[in-house]
Amino acid sequence: MRNALAHAGKSGRRIVSAFIATAFARQAPEAASQQWPSVADQVRPKLPQLATLM
C-alpha cells in the first residue's frame, strides 16, 4: 500500500487508497484477484506508473 500511495501523490492518495481497498475488501481470494485488474484499469489514465506497479 505504501508503494502504491507513493505513486499517487498527495492529492490522489485518498482516492487510490479507496480503489485498492475495494480489492482487499473481497472475502474470496479469487474475487480479489478479479478486482485487482479492474482497479488498475481505473487508475491507468491518470497514474500509469501505479497501474503498471499493480
PDB file of N, CA and C in Angstrom:
ATOM      1  N   MET A   1       0.835  -1.183   0.000  1.00  0.00           N
ATOM      2  CA  MET A   1       0.000   0.000   0.000  1.00  0.00           C
ATOM      3  C   MET A   1       0.882   1.250   0.000  1.00  0.00           C
ATOM      4  N   ARG A   2       1.941   1.217   0.775  1.00  0.00           N
ATOM      5  CA  ARG A   2       2.834   2.374   0.858  1.00  0.00           C
ATOM      6  C   ARG A   2       3.447   2.684  -0.504  1.00  0.00           C
ATOM      7  N   ASN A   3       3.875   1.659  -1.222  1.00  0.00           N
ATOM      8  CA  ASN A   3       4.452   1.870  -2.544  1.00  0.00           C
ATOM      9  C   ASN A   3       3.420   2.421  -3.520  1.00  0.00           C
ATOM     10  N   ALA A   4       2.210   1.924  -3.438  1.00  0.00           N
ATOM     11  CA  ALA A   4       1.150   2.408  -4.322  1.00  0.00           C
ATOM     12  C   ALA A   4       0.842   3.870  -4.039  1.00  0.00           C
ATOM     13  N   LEU A   5       0.744   4.223  -2.777  1.00  0.00           N
ATOM     14  CA  LEU A   5       0.423   5.603  -2.422  1.00  0.00           C
ATOM     15  C   LEU A   5       1.565   6.553  -2.775  1.00  0.00           C
ATOM     16  N   ALA A   6       2.782   6.061  -2.820  1.00  0.00           N
ATOM     17  CA  ALA A   6       3.912   6.902  -3.226  1.00  0.00           C
ATOM     18  C   ALA A   6       3.767   7.335  -4.679  1.00  0.00           C
ATOM     19  N   HIS A   7       3.141   6.518  -5.502  1.00  0.00           N
ATOM     20  CA  HIS A   7       2.917   6.860  -6.906  1.00  0.00           C
ATOM     21  C   HIS A   7       1.723   7.803  -7.079  1.00  0.00           C
ATOM     22  N   ALA A   8       0.878   7.879  -6.086  1.00  0.00           N
ATOM     23  CA  ALA A   8      -0.356   8.654  -6.209  1.00  0.00           C
ATOM     24  C   ALA A   8      -0.163  10.139  -5.965  1.00  0.00           C
ATOM     25  N   GLY A   9       0.833  10.518  -5.208  1.00  0.00           N
ATOM     26  CA  GLY A   9       0.976  11.922  -4.856  1.00  0.00           C
ATOM     27  C   GLY A   9       0.023  12.282  -3.727  1.00  0.00           C
ATOM     28  N   LYS A  10       0.230  13.456  -3.165  1.00  0.00           N
ATOM     29  CA  LYS A  10      -0.582  13.853  -2.012  1.00  0.00           C
ATOM     30  C   LYS A  10      -2.058  13.983  -2.343  1.00  0.00           C
ATOM     31  N   SER A  11      -2.371  14.556  -3.494  1.00  0.00           N
ATOM     32  CA  SER A  11      -3.772  14.816  -3.814  1.00  0.00           C
ATOM     33  C   SER A  11      -4.549  13.550  -4.166  1.00  0.00           C
ATOM     34  N   GLY A  12      -3.883  12.506  -4.640  1.00  0.00           N
ATOM     35  CA  GLY A  12      -4.589  11.311  -5.068  1.00  0.00           C
ATOM     36  C   GLY A  12      -4.566  10.156  -4.098  1.00  0.00           C
ATOM     37  N   ARG A  13      -3.948  10.326  -2.957  1.00  0.00           N
ATOM     38  CA  ARG A  13      -3.795   9.217  -2.009  1.00  0.00           C
ATOM     39  C   ARG A  13      -5.123   8.673  -1.505  1.00  0.00           C
ATOM     40  N   ARG A  14      -6.029   9.544  -1.206  1.00  0.00           N
ATOM     41  CA  ARG A  14      -7.317   9.098  -0.659  1.00  0.00           C
ATOM     42  C   ARG A  14      -8.092   8.278  -1.695  1.00  0.00           C
ATOM     43  N   ILE A  15      -8.093   8.721  -2.934  1.00  0.00           N
ATOM     44  CA  ILE A  15      -8.825   8.020  -3.990  1.00  0.00           C
ATOM     45  C   ILE A  15      -8.170   6.681  -4.294  1.00  0.00           C
ATOM     46  N   VAL A  16      -6.845   6.685  -4.428  1.00  0.00           N
ATOM     47  CA  VAL A  16      -6.126   5.442  -4.714  1.00  0.00           C
ATOM     48  C   VAL A  16      -6.319   4.456  -3.574  1.00  0.00           C
ATOM     49  N   SER A  17      -6.279   4.925  -2.366  1.00  0.00           N
ATOM     50  CA  SER A  17      -6.493   4.067  -1.216  1.00  0.00           C
ATOM     51  C   SER A  17      -7.885   3.428  -1.260  1.00  0.00           C
ATOM     52  N   ALA A  18      -8.874   4.191  -1.633  1.00  0.00           N
ATOM     53  CA  ALA A  18     -10.241   3.670  -1.722  1.00  0.00           C
ATOM     54  C   ALA A  18     -10.355   2.626  -2.829  1.00  0.00           C
ATOM     55  N   PHE A  19      -9.734   2.885  -3.981  1.00  0.00           N
ATOM     56  CA  PHE A  19      -9.765   1.913  -5.076  1.00  0.00           C
ATOM     57  C   PHE A  19      -9.120   0.596  -4.658  1.00  0.00           C
ATOM     58  N   ILE A  20      -7.965   0.674  -4.038  1.00  0.00           N
ATOM     59  CA  ILE A  20      -7.249  -0.531  -3.631  1.00  0.00           C
ATOM     60  C   ILE A  20      -8.018  -1.260  -2.531  1.00  0.00           C
ATOM     61  N   ALA A  21      -8.660  -0.513  -1.660  1.00  0.00           N
ATOM     62  CA  ALA A  21      -9.439  -1.131  -0.581  1.00  0.00           C
ATOM     63  C   ALA A  21     -10.574  -1.990  -1.120  1.00  0.00           C
ATOM     64  N   THR A  22     -11.104  -1.656  -2.310  1.00  0.00           N
ATOM     65  CA  THR A  22     -12.181  -2.472  -2.884  1.00  0.00           C
ATOM     66  C   THR A  22     -11.691  -3.886  -3.186  1.00  0.00           C
ATOM     67  N   ALA A  23     -10.429  -4.004  -3.584  1.00  0.00           N
ATOM     68  CA  ALA A  23      -9.881  -5.343  -3.853  1.00  0.00           C
ATOM     69  C   ALA A  23      -9.636  -6.094  -2.551  1.00  0.00           C
ATOM     70  N   PHE A  24      -9.131  -5.404  -1.535  1.00  0.00           N
ATOM     71  CA  PHE A  24      -8.859  -6.058  -0.262  1.00  0.00           C
ATOM     72  C   PHE A  24     -10.135  -6.374   0.510  1.00  0.00           C
ATOM     73  N   ALA A  25     -11.240  -5.751   0.175  1.00  0.00           N
ATOM     74  CA  ALA A  25     -12.495  -5.991   0.878  1.00  0.00           C
ATOM     75  C   ALA A  25     -13.172  -7.289   0.438  1.00  0.00           C
ATOM     76  N   ARG A  26     -12.722  -7.844  -0.661  1.00  0.00           N
ATOM     77  CA  ARG A  26     -13.304  -9.094  -1.147  1.00  0.00           C
ATOM     78  C   ARG A  26     -12.962 -10.223  -0.184  1.00  0.00           C
ATOM     79  N   GLN A  27     -13.928 -11.085   0.059  1.00  0.00           N
ATOM     80  CA  GLN A  27     -13.715 -12.164   1.016  1.00  0.00           C
ATOM     81  C   GLN A  27     -12.984 -13.346   0.405  1.00  0.00           C
ATOM     82  N   ALA A  28     -13.251 -13.635  -0.838  1.00  0.00           N
ATOM     83  CA  ALA A  28     -12.598 -14.768  -1.500  1.00  0.00           C
ATOM     84  C   ALA A  28     -11.368 -14.292  -2.265  1.00  0.00           C
ATOM     85  N   PRO A  29     -10.283 -15.015  -2.179  1.00  0.00           N
ATOM     86  CA  PRO A  29      -9.078 -14.614  -2.918  1.00  0.00           C
ATOM     87  C   PRO A  29      -9.316 -14.516  -4.423  1.00  0.00           C
ATOM     88  N   GLU A  30     -10.184 -15.362  -4.943  1.00  0.00           N
ATOM     89  CA  GLU A  30     -10.489 -15.321  -6.380  1.00  0.00           C
ATOM     90  C   GLU A  30     -11.172 -14.010  -6.748  1.00  0.00           C
ATOM     91  N   ALA A  31     -12.057 -13.549  -5.904  1.00  0.00           N
ATOM     92  CA  ALA A  31     -12.753 -12.287  -6.156  1.00  0.00           C
ATOM     93  C   ALA A  31     -11.783 -11.112  -6.098  1.00  0.00           C
ATOM     94  N   ALA A  32     -10.850 -11.164  -5.177  1.00  0.00           N
ATOM     95  CA  ALA A  32      -9.845 -10.099  -5.087  1.00  0.00           C
ATOM     96  C   ALA A  32      -8.958 -10.102  -6.322  1.00  0.00           C
ATOM     97  N   SER A  33      -8.601 -11.286  -6.789  1.00  0.00           N
ATOM     98  CA  SER A  33      -7.778 -11.385  -7.996  1.00  0.00           C
ATOM     99  C   SER A  33      -8.497 -10.837  -9.214  1.00  0.00           C
ATOM    100  N   GLN A  34      -9.800 -10.974  -9.261  1.00  0.00           N
ATOM    101  CA  GLN A  34     -10.579 -10.437 -10.371  1.00  0.00           C
ATOM    102  C   GLN A  34     -10.736  -8.924 -10.254  1.00  0.00           C
ATOM    103  N   GLN A  35     -10.809  -8.407  -9.054  1.00  0.00           N
ATOM    104  CA  GLN A  35     -10.994  -6.972  -8.828  1.00  0.00           C
ATOM    105  C   GLN A  35      -9.708  -6.193  -9.103  1.00  0.00           C
ATOM    106  N   TRP A  36      -8.556  -6.783  -8.843  1.00  0.00           N
ATOM    107  CA  TRP A  36      -7.270  -6.087  -8.944  1.00  0.00           C
ATOM    108  C   TRP A  36      -7.029  -5.494 -10.334  1.00  0.00           C
ATOM    109  N   PRO A  37      -7.205  -6.233 -11.443  1.00  0.00           N
ATOM    110  CA  PRO A  37      -7.003  -5.628 -12.766  1.00  0.00           C
ATOM    111  C   PRO A  37      -8.000  -4.512 -13.056  1.00  0.00           C
ATOM    112  N   SER A  38      -9.197  -4.634 -12.525  1.00  0.00           N
ATOM    113  CA  SER A  38     -10.191  -3.584 -12.710  1.00  0.00           C
ATOM    114  C   SER A  38      -9.753  -2.291 -12.043  1.00  0.00           C
ATOM    115  N   VAL A  39      -9.192  -2.409 -10.853  1.00  0.00           N
ATOM    116  CA  VAL A  39      -8.681  -1.238 -10.143  1.00  0.00           C
ATOM    117  C   VAL A  39      -7.524  -0.621 -10.927  1.00  0.00           C
ATOM    118  N   ALA A  40      -6.637  -1.448 -11.428  1.00  0.00           N
ATOM    119  CA  ALA A  40      -5.501  -0.949 -12.214  1.00  0.00           C
ATOM    120  C   ALA A  40      -5.992  -0.207 -13.453  1.00  0.00           C
ATOM    121  N   ASP A  41      -7.023  -0.715 -14.100  1.00  0.00           N
ATOM    122  CA  ASP A  41      -7.571  -0.049 -15.288  1.00  0.00           C
ATOM    123  C   ASP A  41      -8.202   1.291 -14.941  1.00  0.00           C
ATOM    124  N   GLN A  42      -8.781   1.401 -13.763  1.00  0.00           N
ATOM    125  CA  GLN A  42      -9.410   2.655 -13.352  1.00  0.00           C
ATOM    126  C   GLN A  42      -8.387   3.753 -13.084  1.00  0.00           C
ATOM    127  N   VAL A  43      -7.227   3.396 -12.563  1.00  0.00           N
ATOM    128  CA  VAL A  43      -6.220   4.411 -12.249  1.00  0.00           C
ATOM    129  C   VAL A  43      -5.262   4.662 -13.416  1.00  0.00           C
ATOM    130  N   ARG A  44      -5.257   3.793 -14.421  1.00  0.00           N
ATOM    131  CA  ARG A  44      -4.318   3.880 -15.525  1.00  0.00           C
ATOM    132  C   ARG A  44      -4.332   5.227 -16.252  1.00  0.00           C
ATOM    133  N   PRO A  45      -5.482   5.852 -16.550  1.00  0.00           N
ATOM    134  CA  PRO A  45      -5.442   7.122 -17.290  1.00  0.00           C
ATOM    135  C   PRO A  45      -4.660   8.239 -16.581  1.00  0.00           C
ATOM    136  N   LYS A  46      -4.780   8.326 -15.274  1.00  0.00           N
ATOM    137  CA  LYS A  46      -4.117   9.413 -14.548  1.00  0.00           C
ATOM    138  C   LYS A  46      -2.797   8.998 -13.913  1.00  0.00           C
ATOM    139  N   LEU A  47      -2.661   7.719 -13.596  1.00  0.00           N
ATOM    140  CA  LEU A  47      -1.461   7.235 -12.901  1.00  0.00           C
ATOM    141  C   LEU A  47      -0.939   5.962 -13.575  1.00  0.00           C
ATOM    142  N   PRO A  48      -0.382   6.086 -14.766  1.00  0.00           N
ATOM    143  CA  PRO A  48       0.057   4.882 -15.486  1.00  0.00           C
ATOM    144  C   PRO A  48       1.152   4.094 -14.757  1.00  0.00           C
ATOM    145  N   GLN A  49       2.023   4.777 -14.037  1.00  0.00           N
ATOM    146  CA  GLN A  49       3.082   4.064 -13.301  1.00  0.00           C
ATOM    147  C   GLN A  49       2.491   3.210 -12.187  1.00  0.00           C
ATOM    148  N   LEU A  50       1.472   3.712 -11.536  1.00  0.00           N
ATOM    149  CA  LEU A  50       0.807   2.942 -10.489  1.00  0.00           C
ATOM    150  C   LEU A  50       0.113   1.721 -11.086  1.00  0.00           C
ATOM    151  N   ALA A  51      -0.548   1.905 -12.205  1.00  0.00           N
ATOM    152  CA  ALA A  51      -1.226   0.779 -12.852  1.00  0.00           C
ATOM    153  C   ALA A  51      -0.222  -0.298 -13.242  1.00  0.00           C
ATOM    154  N   THR A  52       0.957   0.109 -13.701  1.00  0.00           N
ATOM    155  CA  THR A  52       1.989  -0.861 -14.045  1.00  0.00           C
ATOM    156  C   THR A  52       2.480  -1.572 -12.789  1.00  0.00           C
ATOM    157  N   LEU A  53       2.637  -0.866 -11.700  1.00  0.00           N
ATOM    158  CA  LEU A  53       3.052  -1.464 -10.437  1.00  0.00           C
ATOM    159  C   LEU A  53       2.045  -2.517  -9.976  1.00  0.00           C
ATOM    160  N   MET A  54       0.777  -2.205 -10.152  1.00  0.00           N
ATOM    161  CA  MET A  54      -0.275  -3.110  -9.709  1.00  0.00           C
ATOM    162  C   MET A  54      -0.296  -4.344 -10.555  1.00  0.00           C
TER     163      MET A  54
END
